[in-house]
Protein backbone atom coordinates (compact mmCIF):
# COMPACT_ATOMS: atom_id res chain seq x y z
CA MET A 1 216.04 -71.25 113.00
CA LYS A 2 213.17 -73.67 113.60
CA ASN A 3 213.98 -74.05 117.30
CA ILE A 4 213.83 -70.34 118.15
CA THR A 5 210.87 -69.46 120.37
CA LEU A 6 208.75 -66.36 120.77
CA ARG A 7 209.98 -66.06 124.36
CA GLN A 8 213.58 -65.95 123.16
CA LEU A 9 212.77 -63.29 120.57
CA ARG A 10 211.07 -61.20 123.24
CA ALA A 11 214.21 -61.52 125.36
CA LEU A 12 216.31 -60.14 122.49
CA THR A 13 213.95 -57.20 122.05
CA ALA A 14 214.04 -56.43 125.77
CA ILE A 15 217.85 -56.54 125.85
CA GLN A 16 218.03 -54.13 122.89
CA GLU A 17 215.47 -51.79 124.47
CA HIS A 18 216.95 -51.71 127.98
CA GLY A 19 220.64 -52.18 127.17
CA LYS A 20 221.37 -54.52 130.07
CA ILE A 21 220.52 -58.12 130.92
CA VAL A 22 219.39 -57.18 134.43
CA SER A 23 217.06 -54.44 133.17
CA ALA A 24 215.66 -56.68 130.44
CA ALA A 25 215.02 -59.43 132.99
CA LYS A 26 213.18 -57.00 135.25
CA ALA A 27 210.98 -55.84 132.36
CA LEU A 28 210.22 -59.46 131.43
CA ARG A 29 209.70 -60.49 135.07
CA LEU A 30 212.41 -63.13 134.72
CA THR A 31 215.76 -63.70 136.36
CA ALA A 32 218.93 -62.40 134.74
CA PRO A 33 220.34 -65.94 134.31
CA ALA A 34 217.14 -66.96 132.49
CA VAL A 35 217.49 -64.09 130.02
CA THR A 36 221.20 -64.81 129.59
CA LEU A 37 220.34 -68.43 128.79
CA GLN A 38 217.74 -67.41 126.22
CA LEU A 39 220.26 -65.16 124.52
CA LYS A 40 222.89 -67.92 124.48
CA GLN A 41 220.41 -70.40 123.00
CA VAL A 42 219.55 -68.06 120.13
CA GLU A 43 223.23 -67.27 119.48
CA ASP A 44 224.03 -70.98 119.44
CA GLU A 45 221.18 -71.59 117.00
CA ALA A 46 222.24 -68.70 114.76
CA GLY A 47 225.96 -69.41 115.01
CA VAL A 48 226.79 -65.72 115.43
CA ALA A 49 226.98 -63.18 118.24
CA LEU A 50 223.85 -61.06 118.49
CA PHE A 51 225.15 -58.48 120.96
CA ASP A 52 228.47 -56.85 121.71
CA ARG A 53 229.13 -56.71 125.45
CA THR A 54 230.46 -53.20 126.12
CA SER A 55 231.07 -51.14 129.24
CA GLU A 56 228.03 -49.05 128.28
CA GLY A 57 225.75 -52.06 127.92
CA MET A 58 224.60 -54.56 125.33
CA ARG A 59 224.74 -53.31 121.73
CA PRO A 60 223.12 -55.38 118.97
CA THR A 61 225.34 -56.56 116.13
CA ALA A 62 224.15 -56.55 112.53
CA ALA A 63 222.84 -60.08 113.08
CA GLY A 64 221.20 -58.96 116.31
CA LEU A 65 219.41 -56.14 114.56
CA ALA A 66 218.11 -58.59 111.95
CA PHE A 67 216.72 -60.82 114.73
CA ILE A 68 215.17 -57.84 116.53
CA ASP A 69 213.50 -56.64 113.33
CA ALA A 70 212.06 -60.12 112.82
CA ALA A 71 210.89 -60.20 116.45
CA GLN A 72 209.14 -56.84 116.09
CA THR A 73 207.47 -57.98 112.88
CA ILE A 74 206.22 -61.16 114.55
CA GLU A 75 204.84 -59.23 117.55
CA GLU A 76 203.14 -56.84 115.16
CA ARG A 77 201.57 -59.73 113.24
CA LEU A 78 200.33 -61.32 116.47
CA ARG A 79 198.61 -58.05 117.38
CA VAL A 80 196.98 -58.00 113.96
CA LEU A 81 195.82 -61.57 114.49
CA ALA A 82 194.32 -60.69 117.88
CA ASP A 83 192.46 -57.73 116.38
CA ASP A 84 191.26 -59.82 113.42
CA ILE A 85 189.91 -62.51 115.73
CA ALA A 86 188.19 -59.86 117.86
CA ALA A 87 186.61 -58.40 114.72
CA ILE A 88 185.46 -61.85 113.56
CA ARG A 89 183.87 -62.42 116.95
CA GLY A 90 182.07 -59.10 116.61
CA VAL A 91 183.93 -57.50 119.51
CA ARG A 92 185.11 -53.93 118.91
CA LYS A 93 188.43 -54.43 120.60
CA GLY A 94 192.03 -53.90 119.69
CA SER A 95 195.07 -51.84 120.53
CA LEU A 96 196.66 -48.85 118.87
CA VAL A 97 199.96 -47.08 119.52
CA VAL A 98 200.02 -43.58 118.04
CA GLY A 99 203.18 -41.52 117.71
CA ALA A 100 202.91 -37.75 117.31
CA VAL A 101 205.28 -34.86 116.75
CA SER A 102 205.39 -32.44 119.66
CA THR A 103 203.21 -29.85 117.91
CA ALA A 104 200.38 -32.40 117.78
CA LYS A 105 200.19 -32.60 121.57
CA TYR A 106 198.01 -29.47 121.49
CA PHE A 107 195.15 -31.48 120.03
CA ALA A 108 196.09 -35.15 120.42
CA SER A 109 194.35 -35.62 123.78
CA ARG A 110 191.03 -34.22 122.52
CA LEU A 111 191.32 -36.27 119.35
CA PHE A 112 192.02 -39.41 121.41
CA ALA A 113 189.00 -38.71 123.60
CA GLY A 114 186.78 -38.40 120.53
CA PHE A 115 188.05 -41.65 119.03
CA MET A 116 187.76 -43.56 122.30
CA HIS A 117 184.18 -42.32 122.66
CA ASP A 118 183.36 -43.94 119.30
CA TYR A 119 185.56 -47.00 119.89
CA PRO A 120 185.63 -47.62 123.66
CA GLY A 121 187.07 -51.11 123.24
CA VAL A 122 190.33 -49.96 121.65
CA ASP A 123 193.30 -49.69 124.02
CA MET A 124 195.20 -46.49 123.10
CA LYS A 125 198.75 -45.34 123.79
CA LEU A 126 200.30 -42.01 122.74
CA ILE A 127 204.03 -41.38 122.18
CA ILE A 128 205.10 -37.72 121.81
CA GLY A 129 208.48 -36.80 120.30
CA ASN A 130 210.20 -34.52 117.84
CA ARG A 131 210.08 -35.29 114.12
CA ALA A 132 213.14 -37.56 114.14
CA GLU A 133 211.91 -39.49 117.19
CA THR A 134 208.45 -39.89 115.68
CA ILE A 135 209.81 -41.24 112.40
CA ASP A 136 212.07 -43.57 114.38
CA SER A 137 209.06 -44.94 116.30
CA LEU A 138 207.45 -45.78 112.96
CA LYS A 139 210.61 -47.37 111.56
CA ASN A 140 211.15 -49.52 114.63
CA HIS A 141 207.51 -50.68 114.92
CA ARG A 142 206.97 -48.87 118.23
CA ALA A 143 204.05 -46.92 116.74
CA ASP A 144 201.28 -48.18 114.48
CA VAL A 145 200.33 -44.73 113.19
CA VAL A 146 202.04 -41.36 113.59
CA LEU A 147 200.60 -37.85 113.36
CA MET A 148 202.91 -35.44 111.58
CA GLY A 149 203.30 -32.87 108.81
CA ARG A 150 205.44 -34.03 105.89
CA PRO A 151 205.49 -37.85 105.63
CA PRO A 152 209.01 -39.31 105.56
CA ARG A 153 210.51 -40.00 102.16
CA ASP A 154 212.93 -42.77 103.13
CA LEU A 155 210.24 -45.20 104.29
CA PRO A 156 207.33 -46.77 102.36
CA VAL A 157 204.24 -45.27 104.00
CA ARG A 158 200.51 -44.76 103.66
CA SER A 159 199.26 -41.26 104.48
CA THR A 160 195.79 -39.99 105.41
CA LEU A 161 195.27 -36.22 105.25
CA PHE A 162 193.04 -34.98 108.06
CA GLY A 163 193.42 -31.20 108.33
CA ASP A 164 195.23 -27.95 107.64
CA HIS A 165 198.32 -26.97 109.62
CA PRO A 166 198.88 -23.20 109.35
CA LEU A 167 202.27 -21.71 110.23
CA VAL A 168 202.44 -18.10 111.42
CA VAL A 169 204.73 -15.51 113.01
CA VAL A 170 203.92 -14.28 116.51
CA ALA A 171 205.37 -11.58 118.73
CA ALA A 172 204.76 -10.05 122.14
CA PRO A 173 201.63 -7.81 122.13
CA ASP A 174 203.76 -4.67 122.60
CA HIS A 175 206.12 -5.47 119.72
CA PRO A 176 206.50 -2.58 117.22
CA LEU A 177 205.14 -4.76 114.40
CA ALA A 178 202.03 -5.85 116.30
CA GLY A 179 198.99 -4.42 114.53
CA LYS A 180 200.91 -3.41 111.40
CA ARG A 181 199.42 -4.56 108.10
CA ASP A 182 201.22 -6.30 105.21
CA ILE A 183 204.65 -6.72 106.79
CA SER A 184 207.06 -7.66 104.03
CA LYS A 185 209.25 -10.74 104.16
CA GLU A 186 212.33 -8.49 104.06
CA GLU A 187 211.10 -6.52 107.08
CA ILE A 188 210.25 -9.56 109.19
CA ALA A 189 213.59 -11.12 108.24
CA ARG A 190 215.35 -8.32 110.14
CA GLU A 191 213.76 -9.48 113.40
CA HIS A 192 215.44 -11.80 115.88
CA PHE A 193 213.74 -15.19 115.67
CA ILE A 194 213.31 -17.84 118.33
CA VAL A 195 213.46 -21.06 116.33
CA ARG A 196 212.90 -24.80 116.78
CA GLU A 197 215.78 -27.26 116.62
CA ARG A 198 217.30 -28.16 113.26
CA GLY A 199 215.42 -30.99 111.54
CA SER A 200 212.01 -30.24 113.06
CA GLY A 201 209.13 -29.74 110.62
CA THR A 202 208.58 -26.15 111.76
CA ARG A 203 212.28 -25.33 111.38
CA ILE A 204 212.33 -26.75 107.85
CA SER A 205 209.32 -24.61 106.87
CA PHE A 206 210.94 -21.55 108.49
CA GLU A 207 214.10 -22.07 106.44
CA HIS A 208 212.09 -22.47 103.24
CA PHE A 209 210.19 -19.25 104.01
CA LEU A 210 213.33 -17.13 104.45
CA ALA A 211 215.58 -18.95 101.97
CA GLU A 212 215.28 -16.21 99.36
CA ILE A 213 216.65 -13.54 101.74
CA PRO A 214 220.45 -13.49 101.10
CA GLY A 215 222.45 -14.51 104.17
CA ARG A 216 219.43 -14.60 106.49
CA LEU A 217 219.82 -18.25 107.40
CA ASP A 218 223.51 -17.90 108.27
CA ASP A 219 222.31 -16.91 111.75
CA PRO A 220 218.70 -18.12 112.00
CA GLY A 221 218.21 -17.04 115.60
CA THR A 222 218.04 -18.48 119.11
CA GLU A 223 217.33 -22.19 119.01
CA MET A 224 214.97 -23.80 121.51
CA ASP A 225 213.70 -27.37 121.49
CA SER A 226 210.10 -26.95 122.62
CA ASN A 227 207.13 -24.83 121.58
CA GLU A 228 206.36 -23.97 125.21
CA THR A 229 209.83 -22.51 125.76
CA ILE A 230 209.59 -20.57 122.51
CA LYS A 231 206.22 -19.08 123.50
CA GLN A 232 207.55 -17.98 126.87
CA ALA A 233 210.60 -16.40 125.20
CA VAL A 234 208.42 -14.47 122.75
CA MET A 235 206.07 -13.27 125.50
CA ALA A 236 209.15 -12.05 127.40
CA GLY A 237 210.13 -9.93 124.40
CA LEU A 238 213.21 -11.93 123.37
CA GLY A 239 212.16 -12.08 119.71
CA VAL A 240 209.50 -13.28 117.30
CA ALA A 241 208.70 -16.88 116.38
CA PHE A 242 207.72 -18.76 113.26
CA ILE A 243 205.43 -21.38 114.76
CA SER A 244 202.40 -23.61 114.28
CA ALA A 245 199.16 -21.70 114.75
CA HIS A 246 197.81 -24.69 116.66
CA THR A 247 200.40 -24.22 119.40
CA VAL A 248 199.56 -20.55 120.04
CA SER A 249 195.76 -20.48 119.59
CA TRP A 250 195.04 -19.91 123.28
CA GLU A 251 197.75 -17.26 123.78
CA VAL A 252 196.72 -15.29 120.68
CA ASP A 253 193.02 -15.38 121.57
CA ALA A 254 193.87 -14.38 125.17
CA GLY A 255 196.01 -11.44 124.01
CA ARG A 256 199.26 -12.84 125.38
CA LEU A 257 200.77 -13.14 121.90
CA ALA A 258 200.16 -11.09 118.78
CA LEU A 259 199.70 -12.66 115.37
CA LEU A 260 201.78 -10.66 112.86
CA ASP A 261 200.31 -9.84 109.46
CA VAL A 262 203.23 -10.98 107.28
CA VAL A 263 202.85 -11.14 103.51
CA GLY A 264 202.85 -14.78 102.40
CA LEU A 265 201.62 -16.08 105.74
CA PRO A 266 200.05 -18.20 106.99
CA ILE A 267 201.78 -21.03 105.20
CA ARG A 268 199.21 -23.79 105.06
CA ARG A 269 200.70 -27.21 105.53
CA GLN A 270 198.67 -30.33 106.28
CA TRP A 271 198.38 -32.89 109.02
CA PHE A 272 198.74 -36.54 108.07
CA ALA A 273 198.22 -39.87 109.79
CA VAL A 274 201.13 -41.98 108.54
CA SER A 275 201.66 -45.73 108.81
CA ARG A 276 204.08 -48.17 107.22
CA ALA A 277 202.98 -49.44 103.82
CA ASP A 278 204.87 -52.69 104.33
CA ARG A 279 203.01 -53.87 107.43
CA ALA A 280 199.67 -55.52 108.03
CA VAL A 281 196.80 -53.15 108.83
CA THR A 282 194.74 -53.84 111.93
CA PRO A 283 191.01 -53.08 112.28
CA ALA A 284 191.93 -50.50 114.93
CA MET A 285 194.24 -48.73 112.46
CA VAL A 286 191.53 -48.70 109.80
CA ALA A 287 189.01 -47.31 112.28
CA PHE A 288 191.43 -44.61 113.48
CA GLU A 289 192.36 -43.47 109.97
CA GLU A 290 188.70 -43.38 108.92
CA PHE A 291 187.86 -41.43 112.07
CA LEU A 292 190.56 -38.87 111.26
CA GLY A 293 189.28 -38.51 107.70
CA ARG A 294 185.73 -37.87 108.94
CA LYS A 295 186.26 -35.91 112.14
CA GLY A 296 189.97 -35.15 112.59
CA ALA A 297 189.86 -31.54 111.37
CA GLY A 298 187.24 -30.73 114.00
CA TYR A 299 189.75 -31.39 116.80
CA LEU A 300 192.38 -28.97 115.50
CA PRO A 301 192.72 -25.71 117.48
CA LEU A 302 191.77 -22.54 115.61
CA VAL A 303 193.22 -19.07 115.89
CA ARG A 304 190.08 -16.96 115.47
CA GLN A 305 192.08 -13.93 114.29
CA LEU A 306 193.68 -16.02 111.57
CA TYR A 307 190.45 -17.29 110.11
CA SER A 308 188.48 -14.08 110.51
CA ALA A 309 191.17 -12.38 108.39
CA ASP A 310 190.65 -14.77 105.45
């Protein structure tokens, strides 16, 4: 493998990402024959096929995935080297790719602005996705740090706690339960819920909350894949929602949604900054995690009704 070059490894990564030689070549600003040649050279060196040529595009083989993982690790290490050299030279520069679950988009921009004010030399990129997509971005080295609730258990990670993440039930302001005190879990369980997709952090917490009600989770409710759609459905009177308080702070304070006083709520989860434990840590990552520990909680939206009730 001594003859394999960084350019060839980047070609493999581009082919895997884009699925086609032509698209990979365009991303790399090369010709398709040049990318094809680079692939052939690596396959000749390895003695195995790295991609299956299918009608749907190029799919990496097991050997191809091993090469791509190595390529991603090398790119990651080169970024660390660049940041280390910048730090040695006394220049506060670097780059940071942050992944975030969709619920975090309600504060991520303000948090980014605060960090970039303190570290103007760091080039930032934000990737928003659901929980599965966010974990995948961490696994595949697309994100340096991710913002999420429960850290994944199937990946060695480092986690930095930076704030509370309360989960609540909301309804339309004219809902019969709006304004009622001490709503029991059994009573709220009889309501029609608008719920997030299966596997999301909010959905998992919702299922834990109602798990003790016999048969309730057999038909959890109407499933929607975004918090914005859920809020609109609740405001239209289609049901109630178990949702992150951070996503509804403006609507509750503006009177467009009502926070229901359910016994056992809010459930207080936490927000974490999560990174891989098996990768090198850049100065930018250290600075970001320290920033979150010091100031992160101050960028989280608050539902004034929720905290005034404590």
